Protein backbone atom coordinates (compact mmCIF):
# COMPACT_ATOMS: atom_id res chain seq x y z
CA MET A 1 10.20 17.87 13.00
CA LYS A 2 11.66 14.36 13.09
CA SER A 3 9.97 11.27 11.67
CA THR A 4 9.25 10.16 15.23
CA ASP A 5 6.97 13.21 15.52
CA ILE A 6 4.86 12.15 12.53
CA HIS A 7 1.80 10.03 13.34
CA ILE A 8 0.77 8.23 10.15
CA ARG A 9 0.13 4.73 8.87
CA ASP A 10 1.00 3.28 5.46
CA PRO A 11 3.85 5.69 4.57
CA PHE A 12 4.79 6.18 0.92
CA VAL A 13 7.83 8.20 -0.18
CA LEU A 14 8.18 9.84 -3.59
CA PRO A 15 11.70 11.22 -4.27
CA HIS A 16 11.27 14.08 -6.76
CA ASP A 17 13.55 16.97 -7.76
CA GLY A 18 15.70 16.77 -4.64
CA VAL A 19 12.75 16.52 -2.24
CA TYR A 20 11.25 13.51 -0.48
CA TYR A 21 7.45 13.66 -0.43
CA MET A 22 5.93 11.35 2.18
CA TYR A 23 2.22 10.53 2.05
CA GLY A 24 0.29 8.40 4.51
CA THR A 25 -2.95 7.55 6.27
CA ARG A 26 -3.99 9.94 9.03
CA ALA A 27 -3.61 7.63 12.01
CA ASP A 28 -5.59 9.67 14.54
CA ASN A 29 -8.98 8.86 13.01
CA VAL A 30 -8.12 5.90 10.79
CA TRP A 31 -11.20 3.89 11.86
CA GLY A 32 -13.67 6.80 11.86
CA ALA A 33 -14.85 9.60 9.59
CA MET A 34 -12.12 10.84 7.23
CA ASP A 35 -11.92 13.58 4.63
CA GLY A 36 -8.42 14.01 3.21
CA PHE A 37 -4.76 13.19 2.65
CA ASP A 38 -1.58 14.92 3.80
CA CYS A 39 2.04 15.07 2.69
CA TYR A 40 5.31 15.79 4.51
CA THR A 41 8.50 16.98 2.81
CA SER A 42 12.19 16.52 3.55
CA ARG A 43 15.57 16.84 1.84
CA ASP A 44 17.42 14.39 4.09
CA LEU A 45 14.83 11.91 5.52
CA GLU A 46 15.72 13.31 8.95
CA ASN A 47 14.03 16.70 9.14
CA TRP A 48 10.46 17.03 7.88
CA GLU A 49 7.99 19.83 7.22
CA GLY A 50 4.20 19.53 7.17
CA PRO A 51 1.61 18.25 7.18
CA PHE A 52 0.41 19.83 3.95
CA GLU A 53 -3.10 18.80 2.98
CA VAL A 54 -2.96 17.62 -0.64
CA PHE A 55 -6.57 16.46 -1.01
CA HIS A 56 -9.77 17.40 0.78
CA LYS A 57 -13.08 15.65 0.22
CA PRO A 58 -15.38 17.65 -2.06
CA GLU A 59 -19.06 17.75 -1.16
CA THR A 60 -19.88 15.81 -4.31
CA LEU A 61 -17.78 12.79 -3.24
CA ALA A 62 -19.75 10.24 -1.22
CA ALA A 63 -16.71 8.49 0.31
CA ASP A 64 -16.45 9.57 3.95
CA ARG A 65 -14.20 6.98 5.65
CA ALA A 66 -11.19 4.70 5.11
CA TYR A 67 -9.03 7.35 3.42
CA TRP A 68 -6.10 4.95 3.45
CA ALA A 69 -2.74 4.21 1.87
CA PRO A 70 -2.15 7.05 -0.63
CA GLU A 71 0.67 6.28 -3.09
CA CYS A 72 1.94 9.01 -5.46
CA TYR A 73 3.27 8.31 -8.96
CA GLU A 74 4.52 10.77 -11.56
CA LYS A 75 3.56 9.96 -15.15
CA ASP A 76 4.28 12.32 -18.06
CA GLY A 77 4.48 15.30 -15.73
CA VAL A 78 1.21 14.48 -13.96
CA PHE A 79 1.06 13.20 -10.38
CA HIS A 80 -1.36 10.39 -9.58
CA LEU A 81 -2.50 9.52 -6.08
CA ILE A 82 -3.64 5.89 -5.86
CA ALA A 83 -5.64 5.58 -2.65
CA THR A 84 -8.32 3.64 -0.80
CA LEU A 85 -11.63 5.39 -0.12
CA GLY A 86 -14.56 4.00 1.87
CA GLN A 87 -18.25 4.52 1.20
CA PRO A 88 -20.86 5.28 3.90
CA ASP A 89 -21.92 1.62 3.82
CA GLY A 90 -18.35 0.59 4.63
CA ARG A 91 -17.45 -0.81 1.21
CA LYS A 92 -13.97 0.27 0.13
CA GLY A 93 -12.36 0.74 -3.26
CA VAL A 94 -9.11 1.86 -4.88
CA HIS A 95 -9.41 5.30 -6.51
CA VAL A 96 -7.17 7.58 -8.58
CA LEU A 97 -6.66 11.33 -8.01
CA ARG A 98 -4.54 13.68 -10.15
CA ALA A 99 -2.58 16.93 -9.76
CA ASP A 100 0.11 18.94 -11.53
CA ASN A 101 2.20 19.14 -8.35
CA PRO A 102 3.18 16.51 -5.74
CA LEU A 103 1.64 18.79 -3.10
CA GLY A 104 -1.61 19.00 -5.01
CA PRO A 105 -4.29 20.01 -4.82
CA PHE A 106 -5.37 16.60 -6.11
CA GLU A 107 -8.70 16.13 -7.85
CA HIS A 108 -10.71 12.93 -7.70
CA VAL A 109 -10.83 11.16 -11.08
CA GLY A 110 -12.62 7.90 -10.37
CA GLN A 111 -12.61 4.41 -8.91
CA LEU A 112 -10.35 1.75 -10.41
CA THR A 113 -11.63 -1.37 -8.66
CA ASP A 114 -15.08 -2.95 -9.05
CA PRO A 115 -17.59 -0.94 -6.94
CA ALA A 116 -19.35 -4.22 -6.13
CA GLN A 117 -16.21 -5.49 -4.38
CA SER A 118 -14.40 -4.35 -1.25
CA CYS A 119 -10.78 -3.63 -2.25
CA ILE A 120 -7.92 -1.79 -0.56
CA ASP A 121 -4.24 -0.81 -0.86
CA GLY A 122 -3.58 -0.32 -4.54
CA THR A 123 0.01 -0.11 -5.79
CA ILE A 124 1.32 0.32 -9.33
CA PHE A 125 4.02 -1.72 -11.04
CA GLU A 126 5.07 -1.25 -14.67
CA GLN A 127 6.05 -4.37 -16.59
CA ASP A 128 7.35 -4.03 -20.16
CA GLY A 129 5.69 -0.63 -20.45
CA GLN A 130 2.33 -1.93 -19.20
CA PRO A 131 1.15 -0.49 -15.86
CA TRP A 132 -0.55 -2.90 -13.47
CA LEU A 133 -2.62 -2.15 -10.39
CA VAL A 134 -1.99 -4.70 -7.63
CA TYR A 135 -4.39 -4.59 -4.68
CA SER A 136 -6.05 -6.58 -1.93
CA HIS A 137 -9.52 -8.00 -2.50
CA SER A 138 -10.52 -7.67 1.11
CA LEU A 139 -11.55 -10.40 3.54
CA GLU A 140 -15.10 -9.01 3.72
CA ASP A 141 -15.57 -10.53 0.25
CA VAL A 142 -12.90 -13.24 0.23
CA PRO A 143 -12.08 -14.83 3.62
CA GLU A 144 -8.88 -16.33 2.15
CA GLY A 145 -7.50 -12.81 1.54
CA ASP A 146 -6.94 -12.51 -2.22
CA MET A 147 -4.18 -10.41 -3.76
CA ASP A 148 -5.41 -9.33 -7.20
CA ALA A 149 -4.06 -7.40 -10.19
CA VAL A 150 -5.49 -5.68 -13.25
CA ARG A 151 -3.91 -3.83 -16.18
CA LEU A 152 -4.26 -0.05 -16.39
CA THR A 153 -4.40 2.42 -19.26
CA ASP A 154 -1.24 4.43 -19.87
CA ASP A 155 -2.67 7.48 -18.09
CA LEU A 156 -3.47 5.33 -15.00
CA THR A 157 -7.13 6.40 -14.95
CA ALA A 158 -8.94 3.22 -16.09
CA THR A 159 -8.54 -0.55 -16.11
CA ILE A 160 -8.09 -2.91 -19.05
CA GLY A 161 -9.68 -6.36 -19.01
CA ASP A 162 -10.59 -8.42 -15.98
CA PRO A 163 -8.59 -8.69 -12.75
CA VAL A 164 -6.65 -11.85 -11.93
CA THR A 165 -5.92 -13.38 -8.53
CA LEU A 166 -2.18 -13.64 -7.83
CA PHE A 167 -2.36 -15.56 -4.54
CA LYS A 168 -4.26 -15.85 -1.29
CA ALA A 169 -3.01 -14.80 2.13
CA SER A 170 -3.89 -18.30 3.30
CA ASP A 171 -1.21 -19.63 0.90
CA ALA A 172 1.59 -18.21 3.08
CA PRO A 173 2.83 -20.59 5.80
CA TRP A 174 3.37 -17.67 8.19
CA SER A 175 -0.08 -16.08 7.77
CA VAL A 176 -2.84 -17.02 10.23
CA PRO A 177 -6.54 -16.08 10.49
CA VAL A 178 -7.13 -12.73 12.15
CA PRO A 179 -8.44 -13.05 15.71
CA PHE A 180 -10.95 -10.22 15.22
CA ALA A 181 -12.83 -11.47 12.15
CA LYS A 182 -16.13 -11.89 14.02
CA ALA A 183 -15.86 -8.77 16.18
CA GLU A 184 -14.85 -6.33 13.43
CA PHE A 185 -16.23 -7.87 10.24
CA GLY A 186 -19.00 -10.18 11.40
CA ILE A 187 -17.27 -13.11 9.70
CA ASP A 188 -17.83 -16.59 11.11
CA GLY A 189 -14.92 -18.98 10.68
CA ASP A 190 -11.37 -18.36 9.56
CA ALA A 191 -10.58 -15.15 7.69
CA TYR A 192 -7.17 -14.00 6.44
CA PHE A 193 -6.23 -10.60 5.16
CA SER A 194 -3.73 -9.39 2.59
CA ASP A 195 -2.69 -5.77 2.33
CA GLY A 196 0.15 -3.33 1.64
CA PRO A 197 1.61 -4.91 -1.55
CA PHE A 198 4.74 -3.46 -3.15
CA LEU A 199 6.64 -5.03 -6.06
CA HIS A 200 10.36 -4.89 -6.78
CA ARG A 201 12.50 -6.32 -9.60
CA LEU A 202 15.37 -8.42 -8.21
CA ALA A 203 18.87 -8.40 -9.64
CA ASP A 204 18.34 -11.83 -11.21
CA GLY A 205 15.23 -10.64 -13.07
CA ARG A 206 12.68 -12.29 -10.81
CA LEU A 207 9.92 -10.26 -9.23
CA ALA A 208 9.49 -9.91 -5.46
CA MET A 209 6.48 -8.65 -3.56
CA LEU A 210 6.48 -7.45 0.03
CA TRP A 211 2.99 -7.60 1.53
CA SER A 212 1.35 -7.71 4.94
CA SER A 213 -0.89 -10.08 6.87
CA TRP A 214 -1.29 -11.44 10.41
CA THR A 215 1.05 -13.78 12.29
CA ARG A 216 0.43 -15.87 15.38
CA THR A 217 3.25 -14.35 17.44
CA GLY A 218 3.97 -11.01 15.81
CA GLY A 219 0.54 -9.66 14.94
CA TYR A 220 0.76 -7.39 11.89
CA ALA A 221 3.75 -8.46 9.80
CA VAL A 222 5.46 -8.23 6.40
CA GLY A 223 6.02 -11.28 4.24
CA GLN A 224 7.63 -11.87 0.86
CA ALA A 225 6.50 -13.66 -2.27
CA ILE A 226 8.55 -14.38 -5.40
CA SER A 227 7.13 -14.66 -8.92
CA ARG A 228 8.62 -17.76 -10.49
CA THR A 229 8.34 -16.31 -14.00
CA GLY A 230 9.21 -12.73 -13.15
CA GLU A 231 5.72 -11.74 -14.33
CA VAL A 232 3.09 -9.91 -12.30
CA THR A 233 0.72 -12.78 -12.97
CA GLY A 234 3.10 -15.28 -11.34
CA PRO A 235 2.85 -18.02 -10.24
CA TRP A 236 3.92 -16.71 -6.82
CA ASP A 237 5.85 -18.69 -4.21
CA GLN A 238 5.53 -17.60 -0.58
CA CYS A 239 8.59 -17.40 1.64
CA PRO A 240 8.03 -19.57 4.74
CA GLU A 241 8.71 -16.90 7.36
CA PRO A 242 7.84 -13.19 7.57
CA VAL A 243 10.66 -10.74 6.93
CA LEU A 244 9.45 -8.41 9.68
CA THR A 245 6.91 -8.49 12.52
CA HIS A 246 5.17 -5.92 14.74
CA GLY A 247 4.64 -3.51 11.84
CA GLY A 248 3.48 -3.48 8.27
CA HIS A 249 2.23 -1.88 5.07
CA GLY A 250 5.42 -0.50 3.58
CA MET A 251 7.08 0.37 0.29
CA LEU A 252 10.54 0.53 -1.27
CA PHE A 253 12.27 3.61 -2.63
CA THR A 254 15.80 4.53 -3.66
CA GLY A 255 17.03 7.77 -2.11
CA PHE A 256 19.11 10.52 -3.64
CA ASP A 257 22.10 8.89 -1.90
CA GLY A 258 21.58 5.68 -3.93
CA ILE A 259 20.44 3.67 -0.88
CA THR A 260 17.28 1.59 -1.20
CA ARG A 261 15.04 1.75 1.86
CA TYR A 262 11.83 0.17 3.04
CA THR A 263 9.47 2.46 4.92
CA LEU A 264 6.55 1.14 6.96
CA HIS A 265 4.59 2.14 10.02
CA ALA A 266 5.70 0.59 13.29
CA PRO A 267 4.57 -0.38 15.79
CA ASN A 268 1.00 -1.19 14.79
CA ASP A 269 -0.39 -0.10 18.16
CA PRO A 270 -3.08 2.62 18.00
CA GLY A 271 -1.59 6.01 18.79
CA GLN A 272 1.99 4.77 18.41
CA GLU A 273 2.33 4.38 14.63
CA ARG A 274 5.34 6.17 13.15
CA PRO A 275 7.13 5.95 9.77
CA THR A 276 10.22 3.76 10.05
CA PHE A 277 13.05 3.50 7.50
CA LEU A 278 15.06 0.29 7.00
CA THR A 279 17.88 -0.32 4.54
CA VAL A 280 17.26 -3.06 1.98
CA THR A 281 19.69 -5.57 0.50
CA GLU A 282 19.35 -8.70 -1.59
CA ARG A 283 20.45 -11.94 0.02
CA ASP A 284 20.11 -15.42 -1.47
CA GLY A 285 17.74 -14.14 -4.13
CA ARG A 286 15.41 -12.40 -1.71
CA LEU A 287 14.97 -8.97 -0.18
CA ALA A 288 16.40 -8.54 3.32
CA LEU A 289 15.37 -5.69 5.62
CA GLY A 290 17.40 -4.27 8.45
């Protein structure tokens, strides 16, 4: 099958041993009951096989919705799936699952974010040998749309210390309050969201983050922030305009051909979401997609 035949949100590509493994959110029932994650495989990013179910909800796991944004990382020969899971009461958290193979089966290890908070879209970035989990502290808790980070243990299964807030979605000039805050979340007043973070070290040593929020004219969109110090903890400066509209929640990977690409789901319209691949360059000290 071609990528246009694959109906997923939040694509994540792991290049490993000559094979591209693409994980994502099952788009057909993204807002309803959910019970697992799938993976597709390819050797050329053109022709894909799958889906292969890599995780299925065990009866002992309470989470039964919001199985979102799985990201797969290999560490010391073990594969870790960092993913959002939602509880029956609707509260979401970032969890870690592990397997000996990128196609699983993955086993649930535990939750990384505070169970008392609603958090989504965890991504991992290693800085000076220290892994960090960067994630969105969701608008249900923080109407300004916090982007937070916390250090992880070397085996990626537990956190170290307290999380820190990197920035708020409301800091970005291009981000606007979502028009559905009252209807979908019961929130009165302005509410912004941050999601889909992914970090990338620029050629000049600074640190860039691509992340998603809402725009007035383009709906779901991707923006860019730059860490002034090159550190995960920032401070972060927001670029004034989004780098892409009408799609979101993506990640960067370098293919076996040496080309760096950004994959995201686009458009954001229900039933139409497909993984899209864009080449990435650096221009004037920032990432450029297209």
